[in-house]
Amino acid sequence: MAHVSQASYFQSLEDAIDRKNGYKVSELLSFKHPHVANPRLQLEHPDSQCQRFFDPPYDEVVAAHLRCCWCVANHDFIQACCCQAAVVQYPF
């Protein structure tokens, strides 16, 4: 999945959410997964794309994760930490 399209990543994540497969969702939102190296998924402003594809609150969670990927790729580790904290601490 290192070089999949944004639509393919979104579809995989949406399928996992719809099936209530928390293990797969956590894998797809993890920095241990190879998708984080994909430049197509390193987005500075992913909010509008995520809002079009995901329902709340998942749109915000996915957007924070993709922004975090962008921050890490650009060596902005403080902002990356803030973004990833928003992902893992989101109040469901």
C-alpha atoms as a PDB file:
ATOM      1  CA  MET A   1       0.000   0.000   0.000  1.00  0.00           C
ATOM      2  CA  ALA A   2       3.025   2.268  -0.051  1.00  0.00           C
ATOM      3  CA  HIS A   3       2.010   3.764  -3.403  1.00  0.00           C
ATOM      4  CA  VAL A   4      -1.747   3.361  -3.645  1.00  0.00           C
ATOM      5  CA  SER A   5      -4.004   6.166  -4.722  1.00  0.00           C
ATOM      6  CA  GLN A   6      -5.744   8.377  -2.229  1.00  0.00           C
ATOM      7  CA  ALA A   7      -9.101   6.945  -3.330  1.00  0.00           C
ATOM      8  CA  SER A   8      -7.891   3.389  -2.754  1.00  0.00           C
ATOM      9  CA  TYR A   9      -6.607   4.232   0.732  1.00  0.00           C
ATOM     10  CA  PHE A  10      -9.872   6.003   1.555  1.00  0.00           C
ATOM     11  CA  GLN A  11     -11.883   3.015   0.293  1.00  0.00           C
ATOM     12  CA  SER A  12      -9.845   0.548   2.383  1.00  0.00           C
ATOM     13  CA  LEU A  13     -10.339   2.695   5.452  1.00  0.00           C
ATOM     14  CA  GLU A  14     -14.052   3.191   4.796  1.00  0.00           C
ATOM     15  CA  ASP A  15     -14.529  -0.570   4.332  1.00  0.00           C
ATOM     16  CA  ALA A  16     -12.807  -1.244   7.656  1.00  0.00           C
ATOM     17  CA  ILE A  17     -14.967   1.389   9.376  1.00  0.00           C
ATOM     18  CA  ASP A  18     -18.185   0.026   7.843  1.00  0.00           C
ATOM     19  CA  ARG A  19     -17.294  -3.516   8.922  1.00  0.00           C
ATOM     20  CA  LYS A  20     -16.441  -2.255  12.409  1.00  0.00           C
ATOM     21  CA  ASN A  21     -12.986  -3.785  12.023  1.00  0.00           C
ATOM     22  CA  GLY A  22     -11.113  -1.757  14.625  1.00  0.00           C
ATOM     23  CA  TYR A  23      -7.918  -3.732  14.090  1.00  0.00           C
ATOM     24  CA  LYS A  24      -7.811  -2.777  10.390  1.00  0.00           C
ATOM     25  CA  VAL A  25      -8.790   0.833  11.096  1.00  0.00           C
ATOM     26  CA  SER A  26      -6.003   1.141  13.660  1.00  0.00           C
ATOM     27  CA  GLU A  27      -3.550  -0.405  11.203  1.00  0.00           C
ATOM     28  CA  LEU A  28      -4.529   2.095   8.494  1.00  0.00           C
ATOM     29  CA  LEU A  29      -4.147   5.003  10.922  1.00  0.00           C
ATOM     30  CA  SER A  30      -0.818   3.759  12.281  1.00  0.00           C
ATOM     31  CA  PHE A  31       2.660   4.973  11.486  1.00  0.00           C
ATOM     32  CA  LYS A  32       3.771   1.340  11.354  1.00  0.00           C
ATOM     33  CA  HIS A  33       1.807   0.893   8.110  1.00  0.00           C
ATOM     34  CA  PRO A  34       3.723   1.536   4.841  1.00  0.00           C
ATOM     35  CA  HIS A  35       1.151   4.036   3.515  1.00  0.00           C
ATOM     36  CA  VAL A  36       2.849   6.790   5.528  1.00  0.00           C
ATOM     37  CA  ALA A  37       5.695   6.798   2.979  1.00  0.00           C
ATOM     38  CA  ASN A  38       3.255   7.491   0.135  1.00  0.00           C
ATOM     39  CA  PRO A  39       3.558  11.118  -1.053  1.00  0.00           C
ATOM     40  CA  ARG A  40      -0.049  10.939  -2.338  1.00  0.00           C
ATOM     41  CA  LEU A  41      -1.191  10.559   1.266  1.00  0.00           C
ATOM     42  CA  GLN A  42       1.005  13.290   2.754  1.00  0.00           C
ATOM     43  CA  LEU A  43      -1.408  16.213   2.632  1.00  0.00           C
ATOM     44  CA  GLU A  44      -0.961  19.590   4.255  1.00  0.00           C
ATOM     45  CA  HIS A  45      -4.673  20.426   3.999  1.00  0.00           C
ATOM     46  CA  PRO A  46      -6.633  17.147   3.721  1.00  0.00           C
ATOM     47  CA  ASP A  47      -9.851  18.431   5.297  1.00  0.00           C
ATOM     48  CA  SER A  48     -11.923  18.981   2.151  1.00  0.00           C
ATOM     49  CA  GLN A  49     -10.995  15.605   0.616  1.00  0.00           C
ATOM     50  CA  CYS A  50     -11.784  13.801   3.865  1.00  0.00           C
ATOM     51  CA  GLN A  51     -15.098  15.631   4.334  1.00  0.00           C
ATOM     52  CA  ARG A  52     -16.197  14.552   0.858  1.00  0.00           C
ATOM     53  CA  PHE A  53     -15.410  10.892   1.517  1.00  0.00           C
ATOM     54  CA  PHE A  54     -15.999  10.226   5.238  1.00  0.00           C
ATOM     55  CA  ASP A  55     -18.834  10.993   7.605  1.00  0.00           C
ATOM     56  CA  PRO A  56     -18.116  12.777  10.880  1.00  0.00           C
ATOM     57  CA  PRO A  57     -16.244  12.101  13.069  1.00  0.00           C
ATOM     58  CA  TYR A  58     -14.069   9.938  10.819  1.00  0.00           C
ATOM     59  CA  ASP A  59     -13.401  12.808   8.418  1.00  0.00           C
ATOM     60  CA  GLU A  60     -11.595  14.714  11.172  1.00  0.00           C
ATOM     61  CA  VAL A  61      -9.651  11.674  12.366  1.00  0.00           C
ATOM     62  CA  VAL A  62      -8.434  10.756   8.872  1.00  0.00           C
ATOM     63  CA  ALA A  63      -7.608  14.386   8.056  1.00  0.00           C
ATOM     64  CA  ALA A  64      -5.512  14.694  11.217  1.00  0.00           C
ATOM     65  CA  HIS A  65      -3.653  11.493  10.343  1.00  0.00           C
ATOM     66  CA  LEU A  66      -2.905  12.591   6.758  1.00  0.00           C
ATOM     67  CA  ARG A  67      -1.743  15.994   7.977  1.00  0.00           C
ATOM     68  CA  CYS A  68       0.491  14.174  10.442  1.00  0.00           C
ATOM     69  CA  CYS A  69       1.996  12.182   7.551  1.00  0.00           C
ATOM     70  CA  TRP A  70       2.706  15.482   5.772  1.00  0.00           C
ATOM     71  CA  CYS A  71       4.312  16.974   8.893  1.00  0.00           C
ATOM     72  CA  VAL A  72       6.619  13.981   9.354  1.00  0.00           C
ATOM     73  CA  ALA A  73       7.623  14.056   5.675  1.00  0.00           C
ATOM     74  CA  ASN A  74       8.505  17.745   6.114  1.00  0.00           C
ATOM     75  CA  HIS A  75      10.351  17.188   9.415  1.00  0.00           C
ATOM     76  CA  ASP A  76       7.852  19.203  11.456  1.00  0.00           C
ATOM     77  CA  PHE A  77       7.788  16.728  14.318  1.00  0.00           C
ATOM     78  CA  ILE A  78       6.175  18.998  16.897  1.00  0.00           C
ATOM     79  CA  GLN A  79       3.144  19.599  14.679  1.00  0.00           C
ATOM     80  CA  ALA A  80       3.140  15.897  13.744  1.00  0.00           C
ATOM     81  CA  CYS A  81       2.881  14.994  17.412  1.00  0.00           C
ATOM     82  CA  CYS A  82      -0.074  17.356  17.827  1.00  0.00           C
ATOM     83  CA  CYS A  83      -1.843  15.898  14.792  1.00  0.00           C
ATOM     84  CA  GLN A  84      -1.322  12.297  15.851  1.00  0.00           C
ATOM     85  CA  ALA A  85      -2.456  13.115  19.383  1.00  0.00           C
ATOM     86  CA  ALA A  86      -5.694  14.398  17.850  1.00  0.00           C
ATOM     87  CA  VAL A  87      -6.070  11.041  16.086  1.00  0.00           C
ATOM     88  CA  VAL A  88      -5.546   8.831  19.121  1.00  0.00           C
ATOM     89  CA  GLN A  89      -7.365  11.049  21.625  1.00  0.00           C
ATOM     90  CA  TYR A  90     -10.466  11.769  19.539  1.00  0.00           C
ATOM     91  CA  PRO A  91     -13.542  11.447  21.788  1.00  0.00           C
ATOM     92  CA  PHE A  92     -15.729   8.756  20.213  1.00  0.00           C
END
